[in-house]
Amino acid sequence: MTADGSYHHGNLRAALLERAEAVLTASGAEGLSLRGLARDLGVSHAAPSRHFRDRQALLDALAVSGFTTLNARLRSAAAGGADGADGADEAAGPVGARLAGLGRAYVDFAVGHTALLDLMFTVKHADDSSAELRELGHESLLIVARLMEEGQRTGAVRPGDPVRLAQVAFSTVHGLATLAVAALLDDTPLSEAMELALEILLAGLRPGR
């Protein structure tokens, strides 16, 4: 059996991506190399090249995997399947509760996978980014925009371009996550800051009276 014989049915690719994110978190993108990953996993130096032609292909795959995971979490929240509504969310209505769930899901991902999220955005905005990556990145925004449209149809969300409303919503939760990661919330717990931010965001999204 070869050194990587224990990996089969695509398990090596998954193991490489999992280890790559761990290295990315600990050492940054500059610490990533296919040979280093092979050494960490105890496989031959040539084994990773069966899945990634070079280091850039590995980074692209990491970004695709990250957006795929993020989008799955956002879809679940948009459908009401994540981060159960609390009392304030219920008062905002079903769409409001799901928008709050989306916000929590994004902040949870952004704080838990900070280095990966930075890589995702960097690779997506590169001049030579793949169509797949750009589509996955745009889908994150569209998931929120679709829920904004639903809210507009039911009278729960103010009129306006749903994509722009989604961009504002993203800027709110992304900014909060950035402050949390940089330890700039001082003594305010992230959970409290998040609930206040969501309360203010949802109030601003409601139609004017």
Protein backbone atom coordinates (compact mmCIF):
# COMPACT_ATOMS: atom_id res chain seq x y z
CA MET A 1 0.00 0.00 0.00
CA THR A 2 1.29 3.49 -0.81
CA ALA A 3 1.75 6.16 1.81
CA ASP A 4 -1.63 7.66 0.92
CA GLY A 5 -3.37 4.31 0.56
CA SER A 6 -5.64 5.03 3.50
CA TYR A 7 -7.24 7.87 1.55
CA HIS A 8 -9.81 6.75 -0.96
CA HIS A 9 -12.97 7.86 -2.73
CA GLY A 10 -11.91 11.49 -2.64
CA ASN A 11 -11.02 11.47 1.06
CA LEU A 12 -7.53 12.81 0.37
CA ARG A 13 -8.92 15.91 -1.33
CA ALA A 14 -11.19 16.60 1.65
CA ALA A 15 -8.32 15.97 4.05
CA LEU A 16 -6.08 18.35 2.12
CA LEU A 17 -8.69 21.11 2.23
CA GLU A 18 -9.33 20.58 5.93
CA ARG A 19 -5.63 20.70 6.74
CA ALA A 20 -5.13 23.67 4.40
CA GLU A 21 -7.70 25.74 6.32
CA ALA A 22 -5.98 24.85 9.60
CA VAL A 23 -2.62 26.01 8.20
CA LEU A 24 -4.27 29.11 6.71
CA THR A 25 -5.69 30.02 10.12
CA ALA A 26 -2.40 29.44 11.92
CA SER A 27 0.11 30.78 9.41
CA GLY A 28 -1.74 32.67 6.68
CA ALA A 29 -1.80 31.90 2.98
CA GLU A 30 1.97 32.30 2.75
CA GLY A 31 2.34 29.24 4.97
CA LEU A 32 0.49 26.98 2.56
CA SER A 33 2.27 24.61 0.21
CA LEU A 34 1.30 21.31 -1.37
CA ARG A 35 4.49 19.69 -0.11
CA GLY A 36 3.82 20.93 3.40
CA LEU A 37 0.30 19.52 3.36
CA ALA A 38 1.59 16.21 2.05
CA ARG A 39 4.09 16.09 4.88
CA ASP A 40 1.43 16.97 7.47
CA LEU A 41 -0.89 14.23 6.22
CA GLY A 42 1.85 11.66 5.82
CA VAL A 43 1.34 11.12 2.10
CA SER A 44 3.78 11.20 -0.81
CA HIS A 45 4.85 14.60 -2.14
CA ALA A 46 3.11 13.81 -5.43
CA ALA A 47 -0.22 12.84 -3.88
CA PRO A 48 -1.72 16.37 -3.58
CA SER A 49 -1.01 17.07 -7.26
CA ARG A 50 -3.62 14.46 -8.17
CA HIS A 51 -6.23 16.89 -6.84
CA PHE A 52 -4.61 20.34 -7.19
CA ARG A 53 -2.29 21.19 -10.07
CA ASP A 54 -0.52 23.88 -8.02
CA ARG A 55 -0.79 26.08 -4.94
CA GLN A 56 -3.15 28.54 -6.63
CA ALA A 57 -5.53 25.72 -7.50
CA LEU A 58 -5.53 24.77 -3.82
CA LEU A 59 -6.35 28.35 -2.80
CA ASP A 60 -9.14 28.50 -5.38
CA ALA A 61 -10.57 25.21 -4.10
CA LEU A 62 -10.44 26.49 -0.52
CA ALA A 63 -12.38 29.60 -1.54
CA VAL A 64 -14.97 27.53 -3.45
CA SER A 65 -15.37 25.23 -0.46
CA GLY A 66 -15.75 28.23 1.85
CA PHE A 67 -18.44 29.90 -0.24
CA THR A 68 -20.24 26.57 -0.64
CA THR A 69 -20.36 26.13 3.13
CA LEU A 70 -21.34 29.73 3.77
CA ASN A 71 -24.12 29.63 1.18
CA ALA A 72 -25.51 26.41 2.63
CA ARG A 73 -25.70 28.05 6.05
CA LEU A 74 -27.31 31.17 4.63
CA ARG A 75 -29.90 29.14 2.72
CA SER A 76 -30.75 27.21 5.87
CA ALA A 77 -31.19 30.43 7.82
CA ALA A 78 -33.25 32.01 5.01
CA ALA A 79 -35.56 29.01 5.16
CA GLY A 80 -35.90 29.36 8.92
CA GLY A 81 -33.77 26.31 9.65
CA ALA A 82 -31.00 27.90 11.67
CA ASP A 83 -30.57 30.12 14.72
CA GLY A 84 -34.09 29.87 16.07
CA ALA A 85 -36.04 33.05 16.45
CA ASP A 86 -36.16 34.78 19.81
CA GLY A 87 -38.94 37.03 21.07
CA ALA A 88 -37.68 40.12 19.25
CA ASP A 89 -37.46 38.20 15.99
CA GLU A 90 -41.01 36.91 16.33
CA ALA A 91 -42.23 40.49 16.80
CA ALA A 92 -40.50 41.38 13.53
CA GLY A 93 -42.49 38.71 11.69
CA PRO A 94 -41.42 35.54 9.87
CA VAL A 95 -39.27 37.38 7.31
CA GLY A 96 -37.69 39.48 10.02
CA ALA A 97 -36.89 36.37 12.03
CA ARG A 98 -35.23 34.76 9.04
CA LEU A 99 -33.27 37.91 8.21
CA ALA A 100 -32.01 37.92 11.79
CA GLY A 101 -31.08 34.26 11.38
CA LEU A 102 -29.14 35.14 8.23
CA GLY A 103 -27.25 37.80 10.15
CA ARG A 104 -26.33 35.41 12.93
CA ALA A 105 -25.29 32.72 10.46
CA TYR A 106 -22.97 35.14 8.64
CA VAL A 107 -21.38 36.50 11.80
CA ASP A 108 -20.88 32.97 13.14
CA PHE A 109 -19.11 31.95 9.93
CA ALA A 110 -17.07 35.15 9.69
CA VAL A 111 -15.83 34.93 13.28
CA GLY A 112 -15.24 31.18 13.15
CA HIS A 113 -13.46 31.18 9.78
CA THR A 114 -11.82 34.60 9.63
CA ALA A 115 -8.76 33.64 7.60
CA LEU A 116 -10.83 31.58 5.21
CA LEU A 117 -13.31 34.41 4.65
CA ASP A 118 -10.46 36.82 3.90
CA LEU A 119 -9.08 34.33 1.38
CA MET A 120 -12.53 33.83 -0.16
CA PHE A 121 -12.94 37.53 -0.89
CA THR A 122 -9.33 37.94 -2.05
CA VAL A 123 -9.52 35.07 -4.52
CA LYS A 124 -13.00 36.04 -5.72
CA HIS A 125 -11.89 39.57 -6.60
CA ALA A 126 -8.69 38.51 -8.32
CA ASP A 127 -8.51 39.38 -12.02
CA ASP A 128 -8.23 35.70 -12.94
CA SER A 129 -10.93 34.38 -10.61
CA SER A 130 -13.05 31.56 -12.01
CA ALA A 131 -16.66 31.96 -13.12
CA GLU A 132 -17.63 29.33 -10.53
CA LEU A 133 -16.08 31.34 -7.72
CA ARG A 134 -17.67 34.61 -8.83
CA GLU A 135 -21.07 32.94 -9.08
CA LEU A 136 -20.74 31.38 -5.64
CA GLY A 137 -19.73 34.71 -4.15
CA HIS A 138 -22.63 36.51 -5.81
CA GLU A 139 -25.04 33.80 -4.65
CA SER A 140 -24.36 34.79 -1.04
CA LEU A 141 -25.77 38.23 -1.82
CA LEU A 142 -28.67 36.85 -3.85
CA ILE A 143 -29.80 34.60 -0.98
CA VAL A 144 -30.34 37.71 1.13
CA ALA A 145 -31.82 39.69 -1.78
CA ARG A 146 -34.42 36.98 -2.43
CA LEU A 147 -35.54 37.13 1.18
CA MET A 148 -35.73 40.93 0.90
CA GLU A 149 -37.99 40.49 -2.14
CA GLU A 150 -40.20 38.10 -0.21
CA GLY A 151 -40.43 40.62 2.59
CA GLN A 152 -41.40 43.34 0.14
CA ARG A 153 -44.19 41.18 -1.28
CA THR A 154 -45.60 40.61 2.20
CA GLY A 155 -45.16 44.21 3.30
CA ALA A 156 -42.50 43.39 5.88
CA VAL A 157 -39.61 45.13 4.08
CA ARG A 158 -39.46 48.66 2.72
CA PRO A 159 -39.48 49.29 -1.05
CA GLY A 160 -36.20 49.54 -2.89
CA ASP A 161 -33.69 47.53 -4.88
CA PRO A 162 -33.49 44.23 -2.96
CA VAL A 163 -29.85 43.75 -3.96
CA ARG A 164 -28.91 47.13 -2.50
CA LEU A 165 -30.86 46.36 0.64
CA ALA A 166 -28.99 43.07 0.87
CA GLN A 167 -25.67 44.90 0.46
CA VAL A 168 -26.52 47.19 3.36
CA ALA A 169 -27.52 44.21 5.49
CA PHE A 170 -24.23 42.47 4.66
CA SER A 171 -22.24 45.60 5.47
CA THR A 172 -23.86 45.71 8.92
CA VAL A 173 -23.09 42.13 9.93
CA HIS A 174 -19.70 42.02 8.19
CA GLY A 175 -18.65 45.20 9.95
CA LEU A 176 -19.73 43.77 13.29
CA ALA A 177 -17.79 40.57 12.65
CA THR A 178 -14.71 42.60 11.69
CA LEU A 179 -14.89 44.55 14.96
CA ALA A 180 -15.30 41.34 16.94
CA VAL A 181 -12.31 39.64 15.30
CA ALA A 182 -10.16 42.74 15.90
CA ALA A 183 -11.25 42.81 19.58
CA LEU A 184 -12.72 46.30 19.09
CA LEU A 185 -16.00 45.67 20.88
CA ASP A 186 -14.25 46.32 24.21
CA ASP A 187 -16.35 44.85 27.02
CA THR A 188 -19.49 44.36 24.92
CA PRO A 189 -20.19 40.66 24.33
CA LEU A 190 -20.54 39.80 20.65
CA SER A 191 -23.96 38.25 21.25
CA GLU A 192 -25.29 41.49 22.75
CA ALA A 193 -23.77 43.65 20.02
CA MET A 194 -25.20 41.34 17.37
CA GLU A 195 -28.73 41.43 18.76
CA LEU A 196 -28.64 45.22 18.97
CA ALA A 197 -27.28 45.52 15.44
CA LEU A 198 -29.98 43.18 14.13
CA GLU A 199 -32.69 45.08 15.99
CA ILE A 200 -31.57 48.36 14.44
CA LEU A 201 -31.15 46.79 11.00
CA LEU A 202 -34.61 45.20 11.04
CA ALA A 203 -36.17 48.47 12.23
CA GLY A 204 -34.58 50.27 9.30
CA LEU A 205 -35.81 47.65 6.83
CA ARG A 206 -39.45 47.94 7.87
CA PRO A 207 -41.71 50.11 5.72
CA GLY A 208 -42.14 53.65 7.02
CA ARG A 209 -45.31 54.45 8.86
